[in-house]
Amino acid sequence: ANYEKYSSKLKDFQLLTTAIYPTEEWINLGHYQARPILGEQSFNVTRTDSHVRYLKIKFLTHYDNEHYCTISQIKVHGTTVIASLTEEFESSDSYIDQIRGQLTLDAESVFDSRNYIENY
């Protein structure tokens, strides 16, 4: 968000991220363009293949001709590694329960067919 009335507003910027700092290797999350307004704006990051800790914002261009180009506030929303692992474990537990239930049904049908053959 930018609440400064007497500064240039950010236009084009690049988001970079990494899991460790300091580093020479940053992961590019993409290029984004802000609108020339005061207040909050949202930008959706679609790359979600890794967990990271540090975020770098590169100012590429700006609106207006003021001496300063400011950002008043940055909010980042996401999940922690622990939350993601917990979700994966819970989904794998339900998948294992489904497979276990299917195996039980298959085993019961095998025993039923053996009883049928023995009684025939």
Protein backbone atom coordinates (compact mmCIF):
# COMPACT_ATOMS: atom_id res chain seq x y z
CA ALA A 1 0.00 0.00 0.00
CA ASN A 2 1.08 3.56 -0.60
CA TYR A 3 -0.43 6.37 1.44
CA GLU A 4 2.13 9.07 0.59
CA LYS A 5 0.53 11.94 -1.38
CA TYR A 6 3.78 13.69 -2.31
CA SER A 7 5.78 10.80 -3.74
CA SER A 8 5.78 8.86 -6.98
CA LYS A 9 3.72 5.68 -7.05
CA LEU A 10 5.26 2.33 -7.88
CA LYS A 11 4.28 1.05 -11.34
CA ASP A 12 6.25 -2.02 -12.48
CA PHE A 13 8.04 -4.25 -10.00
CA GLN A 14 9.54 -7.71 -9.74
CA LEU A 15 9.13 -10.13 -6.82
CA LEU A 16 12.05 -12.37 -5.90
CA THR A 17 12.29 -14.84 -3.05
CA THR A 18 14.65 -17.23 -1.32
CA ALA A 19 14.63 -19.61 1.62
CA ILE A 20 18.03 -18.50 2.96
CA TYR A 21 19.74 -15.13 3.30
CA PRO A 22 22.28 -13.90 2.36
CA THR A 23 22.23 -15.55 -1.05
CA GLU A 24 23.27 -14.92 -4.63
CA GLU A 25 20.39 -17.00 -6.04
CA TRP A 26 16.87 -15.55 -5.93
CA ILE A 27 13.75 -17.25 -7.31
CA ASN A 28 11.75 -15.03 -9.66
CA LEU A 29 8.07 -14.95 -8.68
CA GLY A 30 7.14 -12.68 -11.58
CA HIS A 31 6.68 -9.13 -12.77
CA TYR A 32 3.66 -7.13 -11.63
CA GLN A 33 2.11 -3.76 -12.37
CA ALA A 34 0.48 -1.57 -9.72
CA ARG A 35 -2.28 0.94 -10.39
CA PRO A 36 -1.59 4.65 -9.77
CA ILE A 37 -3.80 4.92 -6.69
CA LEU A 38 -3.35 5.55 -2.98
CA GLY A 39 -4.21 2.64 -0.70
CA GLU A 40 -3.94 -1.12 -0.71
CA GLN A 41 -3.60 -3.32 -3.80
CA SER A 42 -3.45 -7.11 -4.11
CA PHE A 43 -1.20 -9.19 -6.32
CA ASN A 44 -1.63 -12.97 -6.59
CA VAL A 45 1.53 -15.02 -6.78
CA THR A 46 0.78 -18.19 -8.72
CA ARG A 47 4.07 -19.99 -8.15
CA THR A 48 3.58 -22.16 -5.07
CA ASP A 49 6.08 -24.97 -5.55
CA SER A 50 8.30 -24.15 -2.57
CA HIS A 51 8.33 -22.59 0.88
CA VAL A 52 10.41 -19.47 1.22
CA ARG A 53 11.28 -17.01 3.94
CA TYR A 54 12.67 -13.86 2.34
CA LEU A 55 11.10 -11.54 -0.23
CA LYS A 56 12.85 -8.94 -2.37
CA ILE A 57 10.97 -6.26 -4.31
CA LYS A 58 12.72 -4.61 -7.25
CA PHE A 59 11.24 -1.26 -8.26
CA LEU A 60 11.42 -1.17 -12.08
CA THR A 61 9.31 1.87 -13.02
CA HIS A 62 7.09 4.41 -11.31
CA TYR A 63 4.31 6.88 -12.05
CA ASP A 64 4.84 10.66 -11.67
CA ASN A 65 8.09 12.60 -11.36
CA GLU A 66 8.50 13.05 -7.60
CA HIS A 67 11.92 12.60 -6.03
CA TYR A 68 10.83 9.64 -3.87
CA CYS A 69 8.92 6.48 -4.76
CA THR A 70 7.58 4.93 -1.58
CA ILE A 71 5.70 1.92 -0.28
CA SER A 72 3.93 2.57 3.03
CA GLN A 73 2.92 -1.00 3.84
CA ILE A 74 3.50 -4.57 2.63
CA LYS A 75 1.34 -7.54 3.68
CA VAL A 76 2.29 -11.09 2.73
CA HIS A 77 -0.16 -13.96 3.22
CA GLY A 78 0.71 -17.63 2.99
CA THR A 79 1.15 -20.82 4.97
CA THR A 80 3.98 -22.14 7.08
CA VAL A 81 5.91 -25.31 6.36
CA ILE A 82 4.36 -26.94 9.45
CA ALA A 83 0.82 -26.12 8.28
CA SER A 84 1.54 -27.53 4.81
CA LEU A 85 3.04 -30.73 6.23
CA THR A 86 0.09 -31.18 8.59
CA GLU A 87 -2.31 -30.81 5.65
CA GLU A 88 -0.33 -33.35 3.59
CA PHE A 89 -0.27 -35.86 6.48
CA GLU A 90 -4.01 -35.51 7.03
CA SER A 91 -4.78 -36.00 3.34
CA SER A 92 -2.43 -39.01 3.14
CA ASP A 93 -4.08 -40.51 6.25
CA SER A 94 -7.52 -40.27 4.64
CA TYR A 95 -6.11 -41.79 1.42
CA ILE A 96 -4.59 -44.67 3.41
CA ASP A 97 -7.95 -45.21 5.16
CA GLN A 98 -9.69 -45.36 1.76
CA ILE A 99 -7.19 -47.96 0.47
CA ARG A 100 -7.49 -49.95 3.70
CA GLY A 101 -11.29 -49.95 3.34
CA GLN A 102 -11.05 -51.06 -0.29
CA LEU A 103 -8.67 -53.89 0.63
CA THR A 104 -11.07 -55.03 3.36
CA LEU A 105 -13.96 -55.11 0.88
CA ASP A 106 -11.83 -57.03 -1.66
CA ALA A 107 -10.73 -59.54 1.00
CA GLU A 108 -14.34 -60.09 2.14
CA SER A 109 -15.48 -60.74 -1.43
CA VAL A 110 -12.65 -63.28 -1.91
CA PHE A 111 -13.67 -65.14 1.27
CA ASP A 112 -17.34 -65.06 0.24
CA SER A 113 -16.52 -66.61 -3.14
CA ARG A 114 -14.44 -69.35 -1.45
CA ASN A 115 -17.37 -70.19 0.84
CA TYR A 116 -19.63 -70.31 -2.20
CA ILE A 117 -17.26 -72.70 -4.02
CA GLU A 118 -16.86 -74.94 -0.94
CA ASN A 119 -20.61 -75.16 -0.41
CA TYR A 120 -21.32 -75.81 -4.06
